Amino acid sequence: MSDFEPIRSQDQLDQIISKRVKDAKELREENERLKSQVEARDKEIRTLARTHAVDFELARRGLEGPLVEGKVELIRRLIDLDSDTDPIEQLEALSASAPDLFKVPRGAGSGGSKGPVLEPQEKPLSDDDLRKMSPEDMTRPGMMERIDQFMRGER
């Protein structure tokens, strides 16, 4: 600690007070700046959390992927993430007022397949397959018919 120096003039007192006022003002401004940064981050985090909640709910409803990309973008634009109303409540209300927007295309005509959808073909049985087959494998549905076809020479 330095030695105490008494204040000897009004000018000296004014300088000390003005320095302390200036320091306090700078500190207050720094606090306000930090407070506004924290508020901006909090808003950003809230928006991200709400966005993820909407995306999760849309995915839960099957609204994800290229088939419904346009619908998802439209729904996202219709949800107000800055509103006091929870975005999931907004989704529910939107779903009730525009149910077609939440329908997921299924089956033929959905645009999901570029070619015909064929059932997977099982490879023909061979002598080696039959030798390696366990009794449990032979009892699988449809397996005895395949074995009978093989035995008749219909390979």
Protein backbone atom coordinates (compact mmCIF):
# COMPACT_ATOMS: atom_id res chain seq x y z
CA MET A 1 0.00 0.00 0.00
CA SER A 2 1.31 3.45 -0.82
CA ASP A 3 1.70 6.17 1.71
CA PHE A 4 -1.32 8.27 2.37
CA GLU A 5 -1.28 11.65 0.68
CA PRO A 6 -3.72 14.18 1.96
CA ILE A 7 -5.72 16.18 -0.54
CA ARG A 8 -4.34 19.70 -0.51
CA SER A 9 -6.57 21.50 -3.04
CA GLN A 10 -10.04 21.56 -4.46
CA ASP A 11 -8.59 20.91 -7.92
CA GLN A 12 -6.91 17.74 -6.67
CA LEU A 13 -10.22 16.58 -5.10
CA ASP A 14 -12.09 17.34 -8.34
CA GLN A 15 -9.61 15.26 -10.35
CA ILE A 16 -9.94 12.28 -8.00
CA ILE A 17 -13.74 12.46 -8.05
CA SER A 18 -13.93 12.89 -11.84
CA LYS A 19 -11.61 9.86 -12.31
CA ARG A 20 -13.78 7.74 -10.02
CA VAL A 21 -16.97 8.89 -11.78
CA LYS A 22 -15.37 8.12 -15.17
CA ASP A 23 -14.28 4.65 -13.95
CA ALA A 24 -17.77 3.95 -12.56
CA LYS A 25 -19.38 5.08 -15.83
CA GLU A 26 -17.05 2.81 -17.88
CA LEU A 27 -17.82 -0.09 -15.58
CA ARG A 28 -21.57 0.54 -15.90
CA GLU A 29 -21.27 0.73 -19.72
CA GLU A 30 -19.27 -2.51 -19.78
CA ASN A 31 -21.92 -4.18 -17.61
CA GLU A 32 -24.68 -2.98 -19.98
CA ARG A 33 -22.73 -4.22 -23.00
CA LEU A 34 -22.20 -7.64 -21.41
CA LYS A 35 -25.83 -7.78 -20.32
CA SER A 36 -27.02 -7.09 -23.88
CA GLN A 37 -24.64 -9.77 -25.21
CA VAL A 38 -26.03 -12.29 -22.71
CA GLU A 39 -29.60 -11.37 -23.68
CA ALA A 40 -28.75 -11.79 -27.38
CA ARG A 41 -27.19 -15.21 -26.69
CA ASP A 42 -30.20 -16.23 -24.59
CA LYS A 43 -32.50 -15.27 -27.44
CA GLU A 44 -30.32 -17.18 -29.91
CA ILE A 45 -30.35 -20.27 -27.67
CA ARG A 46 -34.12 -20.02 -27.22
CA THR A 47 -34.62 -19.76 -30.98
CA LEU A 48 -32.31 -22.73 -31.62
CA ALA A 49 -34.07 -24.82 -28.98
CA ARG A 50 -37.46 -23.97 -30.46
CA THR A 51 -36.20 -24.70 -33.99
CA HIS A 52 -34.91 -28.10 -32.87
CA ALA A 53 -38.20 -28.81 -31.09
CA VAL A 54 -40.12 -28.05 -34.29
CA ASP A 55 -37.75 -30.16 -36.40
CA PHE A 56 -37.99 -33.04 -33.92
CA GLU A 57 -41.80 -32.87 -33.90
CA LEU A 58 -41.95 -32.75 -37.71
CA ALA A 59 -39.62 -35.76 -37.92
CA ARG A 60 -41.74 -37.58 -35.32
CA ARG A 61 -44.74 -37.01 -37.59
CA GLY A 62 -42.81 -38.42 -40.55
CA LEU A 63 -42.28 -35.04 -42.19
CA GLU A 64 -38.62 -35.32 -43.15
CA GLY A 65 -36.71 -36.07 -46.29
CA PRO A 66 -36.88 -34.90 -49.89
CA LEU A 67 -40.52 -35.92 -50.48
CA VAL A 68 -41.85 -33.36 -48.03
CA GLU A 69 -39.11 -30.73 -48.15
CA GLY A 70 -41.45 -28.05 -49.50
CA LYS A 71 -44.08 -28.76 -46.85
CA VAL A 72 -41.51 -28.64 -44.07
CA GLU A 73 -40.15 -25.28 -45.26
CA LEU A 74 -43.67 -23.86 -45.44
CA ILE A 75 -44.50 -25.11 -41.95
CA ARG A 76 -41.26 -23.61 -40.59
CA ARG A 77 -42.16 -20.24 -42.13
CA LEU A 78 -45.62 -20.37 -40.55
CA ILE A 79 -44.25 -21.02 -37.04
CA ASP A 80 -43.31 -17.86 -35.10
CA LEU A 81 -40.30 -18.83 -33.00
CA ASP A 82 -40.27 -15.44 -31.24
CA SER A 83 -43.88 -15.75 -30.10
CA ASP A 84 -44.81 -16.38 -26.48
CA THR A 85 -46.84 -19.36 -27.71
CA ASP A 86 -44.91 -22.63 -27.64
CA PRO A 87 -43.96 -23.71 -31.19
CA ILE A 88 -45.38 -27.21 -30.62
CA GLU A 89 -48.73 -25.64 -29.70
CA GLN A 90 -48.47 -23.61 -32.91
CA LEU A 91 -47.81 -26.84 -34.84
CA GLU A 92 -50.87 -28.46 -33.26
CA ALA A 93 -53.05 -25.48 -34.19
CA LEU A 94 -51.63 -25.44 -37.72
CA SER A 95 -52.18 -29.18 -38.03
CA ALA A 96 -55.82 -28.76 -37.00
CA SER A 97 -56.42 -25.87 -39.41
CA ALA A 98 -54.44 -27.29 -42.37
CA PRO A 99 -54.30 -31.11 -41.98
CA ASP A 100 -53.26 -31.68 -45.61
CA LEU A 101 -50.04 -29.83 -44.89
CA PHE A 102 -49.10 -32.57 -42.44
CA LYS A 103 -49.97 -35.56 -44.63
CA VAL A 104 -47.00 -37.64 -45.66
CA PRO A 105 -47.17 -39.19 -49.14
CA ARG A 106 -47.14 -42.99 -49.03
CA GLY A 107 -47.07 -45.74 -51.61
CA ALA A 108 -47.39 -45.46 -55.37
CA GLY A 109 -47.36 -41.96 -56.71
CA SER A 110 -45.39 -40.66 -53.76
CA GLY A 111 -42.50 -39.79 -56.03
CA GLY A 112 -40.09 -41.70 -53.82
CA SER A 113 -39.03 -44.30 -56.37
CA LYS A 114 -37.52 -43.71 -59.78
CA GLY A 115 -38.24 -47.25 -60.99
CA PRO A 116 -40.73 -50.01 -60.28
CA VAL A 117 -40.71 -51.41 -56.78
CA LEU A 118 -39.94 -55.12 -56.96
CA GLU A 119 -39.99 -57.68 -54.23
CA PRO A 120 -36.51 -58.82 -53.31
CA GLN A 121 -35.59 -62.00 -55.14
CA GLU A 122 -34.07 -64.81 -53.11
CA LYS A 123 -31.13 -66.49 -54.75
CA PRO A 124 -31.79 -70.03 -55.96
CA LEU A 125 -30.89 -72.85 -53.60
CA SER A 126 -27.79 -74.93 -54.24
CA ASP A 127 -26.58 -78.33 -53.02
CA ASP A 128 -24.19 -76.51 -50.71
CA ASP A 129 -27.06 -74.39 -49.27
CA LEU A 130 -29.04 -77.55 -48.46
CA ARG A 131 -26.07 -79.21 -46.75
CA LYS A 132 -25.46 -76.16 -44.55
CA MET A 133 -29.14 -75.66 -43.67
CA SER A 134 -30.14 -76.32 -40.06
CA PRO A 135 -33.53 -77.79 -39.09
CA GLU A 136 -34.57 -74.30 -37.89
CA ASP A 137 -33.71 -72.86 -41.32
CA MET A 138 -35.85 -75.53 -43.00
CA THR A 139 -38.88 -74.55 -40.91
CA ARG A 140 -38.76 -70.88 -41.95
CA PRO A 141 -41.93 -69.82 -43.78
CA GLY A 142 -41.78 -70.72 -47.46
CA MET A 143 -38.52 -72.65 -47.15
CA MET A 144 -40.03 -76.15 -47.59
CA GLU A 145 -41.65 -75.03 -50.85
CA ARG A 146 -38.26 -73.81 -52.09
CA ILE A 147 -36.63 -77.09 -51.05
CA ASP A 148 -39.36 -79.09 -52.84
CA GLN A 149 -38.86 -76.98 -55.99
CA PHE A 150 -35.11 -77.62 -55.80
CA MET A 151 -35.64 -81.36 -55.37
CA ARG A 152 -37.95 -81.42 -58.44
CA GLY A 153 -35.21 -79.71 -60.44
CA GLU A 154 -36.94 -76.29 -60.62
CA ARG A 155 -33.91 -74.23 -59.85
